[in-house]
C-alpha atoms as a PDB file:
ATOM      1  CA  MET A   1       6.638 -55.336  48.351  1.00  0.00           C
ATOM      2  CA  ASN A   2       6.661 -59.076  48.652  1.00  0.00           C
ATOM      3  CA  SER A   3       9.060 -60.771  46.235  1.00  0.00           C
ATOM      4  CA  LYS A   4       6.469 -63.336  45.156  1.00  0.00           C
ATOM      5  CA  ILE A   5       3.887 -60.646  44.346  1.00  0.00           C
ATOM      6  CA  LEU A   6       6.486 -58.676  42.398  1.00  0.00           C
ATOM      7  CA  LYS A   7       7.364 -61.740  40.312  1.00  0.00           C
ATOM      8  CA  ILE A   8       3.681 -62.318  39.528  1.00  0.00           C
ATOM      9  CA  VAL A   9       3.185 -58.684  38.485  1.00  0.00           C
ATOM     10  CA  VAL A  10       6.277 -58.798  36.237  1.00  0.00           C
ATOM     11  CA  ALA A  11       5.082 -62.077  34.690  1.00  0.00           C
ATOM     12  CA  ILE A  12       1.638 -60.612  33.958  1.00  0.00           C
ATOM     13  CA  LEU A  13       3.133 -57.450  32.438  1.00  0.00           C
ATOM     14  CA  SER A  14       5.478 -59.567  30.322  1.00  0.00           C
ATOM     15  CA  LEU A  15       2.662 -61.796  29.080  1.00  0.00           C
ATOM     16  CA  VAL A  16       0.585 -58.762  28.098  1.00  0.00           C
ATOM     17  CA  GLY A  17       3.554 -57.313  26.194  1.00  0.00           C
ATOM     18  CA  ILE A  18       4.273 -60.615  24.457  1.00  0.00           C
ATOM     19  CA  GLY A  19       0.597 -60.938  23.521  1.00  0.00           C
ATOM     20  CA  LEU A  20       0.538 -57.454  22.015  1.00  0.00           C
ATOM     21  CA  PHE A  21       3.753 -58.162  20.127  1.00  0.00           C
ATOM     22  CA  LEU A  22       2.459 -61.444  18.740  1.00  0.00           C
ATOM     23  CA  ARG A  23      -0.712 -59.671  17.633  1.00  0.00           C
ATOM     24  CA  VAL A  24       1.388 -57.207  15.625  1.00  0.00           C
ATOM     25  CA  SER A  25       3.669 -59.849  14.154  1.00  0.00           C
ATOM     26  CA  GLY A  26       0.731 -61.948  12.942  1.00  0.00           C
ATOM     27  CA  ILE A  27      -0.635 -59.248  10.638  1.00  0.00           C
ATOM     28  CA  ASN A  28       0.002 -59.105   6.908  1.00  0.00           C
ATOM     29  CA  SER A  29       2.685 -56.503   6.228  1.00  0.00           C
ATOM     30  CA  GLU A  30       0.756 -55.164   3.207  1.00  0.00           C
ATOM     31  CA  ASP A  31      -2.291 -54.156   5.293  1.00  0.00           C
ATOM     32  CA  LYS A  32      -1.166 -50.757   6.612  1.00  0.00           C
ATOM     33  CA  VAL A  33      -4.442 -49.992   8.409  1.00  0.00           C
ATOM     34  CA  ALA A  34      -4.414 -53.297  10.304  1.00  0.00           C
ATOM     35  CA  ILE A  35      -0.771 -52.798  11.281  1.00  0.00           C
ATOM     36  CA  SER A  36      -1.530 -49.311  12.539  1.00  0.00           C
ATOM     37  CA  GLU A  37      -4.497 -50.571  14.570  1.00  0.00           C
ATOM     38  CA  ALA A  38      -2.403 -53.388  16.068  1.00  0.00           C
ATOM     39  CA  VAL A  39       0.661 -51.260  16.845  1.00  0.00           C
ATOM     40  CA  SER A  40      -1.282 -48.496  18.584  1.00  0.00           C
ATOM     41  CA  PRO A  41      -2.122 -50.528  21.742  1.00  0.00           C
ATOM     42  CA  LEU A  42       1.485 -51.791  21.907  1.00  0.00           C
ATOM     43  CA  VAL A  43       2.845 -48.247  21.789  1.00  0.00           C
ATOM     44  CA  THR A  44       0.312 -47.069  24.373  1.00  0.00           C
ATOM     45  CA  TYR A  45       1.209 -49.996  26.647  1.00  0.00           C
ATOM     46  CA  SER A  46       4.905 -49.202  26.281  1.00  0.00           C
ATOM     47  CA  LEU A  47       4.359 -45.538  27.093  1.00  0.00           C
ATOM     48  CA  VAL A  48       2.288 -46.406  30.164  1.00  0.00           C
ATOM     49  CA  LEU A  49       5.007 -48.779  31.407  1.00  0.00           C
ATOM     50  CA  LEU A  50       7.663 -46.131  30.758  1.00  0.00           C
ATOM     51  CA  GLY A  51       5.623 -43.551  32.668  1.00  0.00           C
ATOM     52  CA  LEU A  52       5.137 -45.926  35.601  1.00  0.00           C
ATOM     53  CA  ALA A  53       8.858 -46.744  35.688  1.00  0.00           C
ATOM     54  CA  VAL A  54       9.833 -43.066  35.622  1.00  0.00           C
ATOM     55  CA  ALA A  55       7.289 -42.224  38.326  1.00  0.00           C
ATOM     56  CA  ALA A  56       8.520 -45.070  40.530  1.00  0.00           C
ATOM     57  CA  ALA A  57      12.139 -44.007  40.090  1.00  0.00           C
ATOM     58  CA  VAL A  58      11.399 -40.349  40.869  1.00  0.00           C
ATOM     59  CA  ILE A  59       9.244 -41.167  43.900  1.00  0.00           C
ATOM     60  CA  ALA A  60      11.817 -43.612  45.294  1.00  0.00           C
ATOM     61  CA  SER A  61      14.569 -41.065  44.730  1.00  0.00           C
ATOM     62  CA  LEU A  62      12.617 -38.287  46.452  1.00  0.00           C
ATOM     63  CA  LEU A  63      11.740 -40.518  49.409  1.00  0.00           C
ATOM     64  CA  GLY A  64      15.393 -41.486  49.762  1.00  0.00           C
ATOM     65  CA  MET A  65      16.454 -37.838  49.724  1.00  0.00           C
ATOM     66  CA  PHE A  66      13.926 -36.761  52.320  1.00  0.00           C
ATOM     67  CA  LYS A  67      14.915 -39.625  54.618  1.00  0.00           C
ATOM     68  CA  ASN A  68      18.565 -38.556  54.432  1.00  0.00           C
ATOM     69  CA  PRO A  69      19.092 -34.797  55.003  1.00  0.00           C
ATOM     70  CA  ALA A  70      22.727 -34.984  53.855  1.00  0.00           C
ATOM     71  CA  ALA A  71      21.605 -36.340  50.480  1.00  0.00           C
ATOM     72  CA  LEU A  72      18.967 -33.603  50.241  1.00  0.00           C
ATOM     73  CA  LYS A  73      21.632 -30.968  50.895  1.00  0.00           C
ATOM     74  CA  LYS A  74      23.879 -32.433  48.166  1.00  0.00           C
ATOM     75  CA  THR A  75      20.981 -32.574  45.725  1.00  0.00           C
ATOM     76  CA  LEU A  76      20.023 -28.971  46.356  1.00  0.00           C
ATOM     77  CA  LEU A  77      23.663 -27.940  45.937  1.00  0.00           C
ATOM     78  CA  GLY A  78      23.747 -29.768  42.590  1.00  0.00           C
ATOM     79  CA  ILE A  79      20.535 -28.070  41.454  1.00  0.00           C
ATOM     80  CA  VAL A  80      21.947 -24.662  42.385  1.00  0.00           C
ATOM     81  CA  ALA A  81      25.172 -25.435  40.497  1.00  0.00           C
ATOM     82  CA  LEU A  82      23.170 -26.477  37.430  1.00  0.00           C
ATOM     83  CA  ALA A  83      21.067 -23.299  37.668  1.00  0.00           C
ATOM     84  CA  VAL A  84      24.273 -21.221  37.780  1.00  0.00           C
ATOM     85  CA  ALA A  85      25.598 -23.054  34.712  1.00  0.00           C
ATOM     86  CA  LEU A  86      22.311 -22.403  32.893  1.00  0.00           C
ATOM     87  CA  LEU A  87      22.384 -18.721  33.841  1.00  0.00           C
ATOM     88  CA  ILE A  88      25.967 -18.309  32.635  1.00  0.00           C
ATOM     89  CA  SER A  89      25.082 -20.169  29.429  1.00  0.00           C
ATOM     90  CA  TYR A  90      22.080 -17.950  28.795  1.00  0.00           C
ATOM     91  CA  ILE A  91      24.211 -14.835  29.280  1.00  0.00           C
ATOM     92  CA  LEU A  92      26.897 -16.145  26.893  1.00  0.00           C
ATOM     93  CA  SER A  93      24.441 -17.383  24.256  1.00  0.00           C
ATOM     94  CA  SER A  94      23.851 -15.666  20.940  1.00  0.00           C
ATOM     95  CA  ASP A  95      20.515 -15.038  19.276  1.00  0.00           C
ATOM     96  CA  GLY A  96      21.950 -14.951  15.760  1.00  0.00           C
ATOM     97  CA  GLN A  97      20.515 -16.631  12.717  1.00  0.00           C
ATOM     98  CA  VAL A  98      20.716 -20.430  12.617  1.00  0.00           C
ATOM     99  CA  VAL A  99      21.067 -22.146   9.232  1.00  0.00           C
ATOM    100  CA  ASP A 100      21.268 -25.829   8.348  1.00  0.00           C
ATOM    101  CA  ALA A 101      23.791 -27.547   6.075  1.00  0.00           C
ATOM    102  CA  ASN A 102      21.772 -26.628   2.969  1.00  0.00           C
ATOM    103  CA  GLY A 103      21.694 -22.942   3.874  1.00  0.00           C
ATOM    104  CA  SER A 104      18.021 -22.927   4.886  1.00  0.00           C
ATOM    105  CA  VAL A 105      17.161 -20.686   7.818  1.00  0.00           C
ATOM    106  CA  ILE A 106      16.109 -22.714  10.848  1.00  0.00           C
ATOM    107  CA  ALA A 107      15.774 -19.822  13.278  1.00  0.00           C
ATOM    108  CA  ALA A 108      15.738 -16.132  12.433  1.00  0.00           C
ATOM    109  CA  THR A 109      17.959 -13.567  14.112  1.00  0.00           C
ATOM    110  CA  GLY A 110      16.624 -12.571  17.518  1.00  0.00           C
ATOM    111  CA  SER A 111      14.316 -15.582  17.935  1.00  0.00           C
ATOM    112  CA  GLN A 112      13.971 -17.485  21.199  1.00  0.00           C
ATOM    113  CA  VAL A 113      14.705 -20.751  19.380  1.00  0.00           C
ATOM    114  CA  SER A 114      18.128 -19.434  18.429  1.00  0.00           C
ATOM    115  CA  LYS A 115      18.784 -18.160  21.966  1.00  0.00           C
ATOM    116  CA  TYR A 116      17.739 -21.452  23.601  1.00  0.00           C
ATOM    117  CA  THR A 117      19.731 -23.527  21.122  1.00  0.00           C
ATOM    118  CA  SER A 118      22.829 -21.496  21.837  1.00  0.00           C
ATOM    119  CA  THR A 119      22.162 -21.780  25.574  1.00  0.00           C
ATOM    120  CA  GLY A 120      21.987 -25.566  25.258  1.00  0.00           C
ATOM    121  CA  ILE A 121      25.289 -25.648  23.412  1.00  0.00           C
ATOM    122  CA  TRP A 122      26.969 -23.431  25.983  1.00  0.00           C
ATOM    123  CA  VAL A 123      25.658 -25.371  28.992  1.00  0.00           C
ATOM    124  CA  SER A 124      26.859 -28.604  27.381  1.00  0.00           C
ATOM    125  CA  LEU A 125      30.287 -27.082  26.875  1.00  0.00           C
ATOM    126  CA  ILE A 126      30.438 -25.768  30.460  1.00  0.00           C
ATOM    127  CA  LEU A 127      29.395 -29.125  31.911  1.00  0.00           C
ATOM    128  CA  LEU A 128      31.921 -30.896  29.675  1.00  0.00           C
ATOM    129  CA  VAL A 129      34.735 -28.661  30.917  1.00  0.00           C
ATOM    130  CA  VAL A 130      33.702 -28.982  34.570  1.00  0.00           C
ATOM    131  CA  GLY A 131      33.399 -32.758  34.231  1.00  0.00           C
ATOM    132  CA  GLY A 132      36.784 -32.911  32.507  1.00  0.00           C
ATOM    133  CA  VAL A 133      38.415 -30.885  35.277  1.00  0.00           C
ATOM    134  CA  PHE A 134      36.993 -33.167  37.957  1.00  0.00           C
ATOM    135  CA  PHE A 135      38.088 -36.219  35.955  1.00  0.00           C
ATOM    136  CA  VAL A 136      41.665 -34.932  35.735  1.00  0.00           C
ATOM    137  CA  ILE A 137      41.699 -34.042  39.452  1.00  0.00           C
ATOM    138  CA  ASP A 138      40.459 -37.535  40.347  1.00  0.00           C
ATOM    139  CA  LEU A 139      43.020 -39.094  38.008  1.00  0.00           C
ATOM    140  CA  VAL A 140      45.858 -37.113  39.586  1.00  0.00           C
ATOM    141  CA  LYS A 141      44.685 -38.042  43.089  1.00  0.00           C
ATOM    142  CA  GLY A 142      44.618 -41.700  42.078  1.00  0.00           C
ATOM    143  CA  LEU A 143      48.138 -41.484  40.656  1.00  0.00           C
ATOM    144  CA  ILE A 144      49.444 -39.785  43.800  1.00  0.00           C
ATOM    145  CA  LYS A 145      47.900 -42.411  46.111  1.00  0.00           C
ATOM    146  CA  SER A 146      49.339 -45.355  44.176  1.00  0.00           C
END
């Protein structure tokens, strides 16, 4: 995309955002209905911009992968490794009762919420250990080279 066109688009998007913000800031803080009506378009605008940014990033990333078969192979290998970590985590996870700090039951014994929560904890732990191992290996390699 032409640099000049991109600058114009960014300027227009910025002006719209500033206008919506000024609209919100000019409302009396005691009028809750007016604040809600003014904030709603700002939130919607922000969500649309976030969605467009995520879509652009994903599309650019996918196009870059498909143009470079080596990158596609590495990405698929990473996805397979993550799937293996998730599978191991699901196997290790417990479906026991989950309680909060006050002793209230958040998830009953045998519920999927409990199983998925435990899976998330286990996959985080596995990825932390794997990342730590690679960090130490890289650190040792760096010390050996210098």
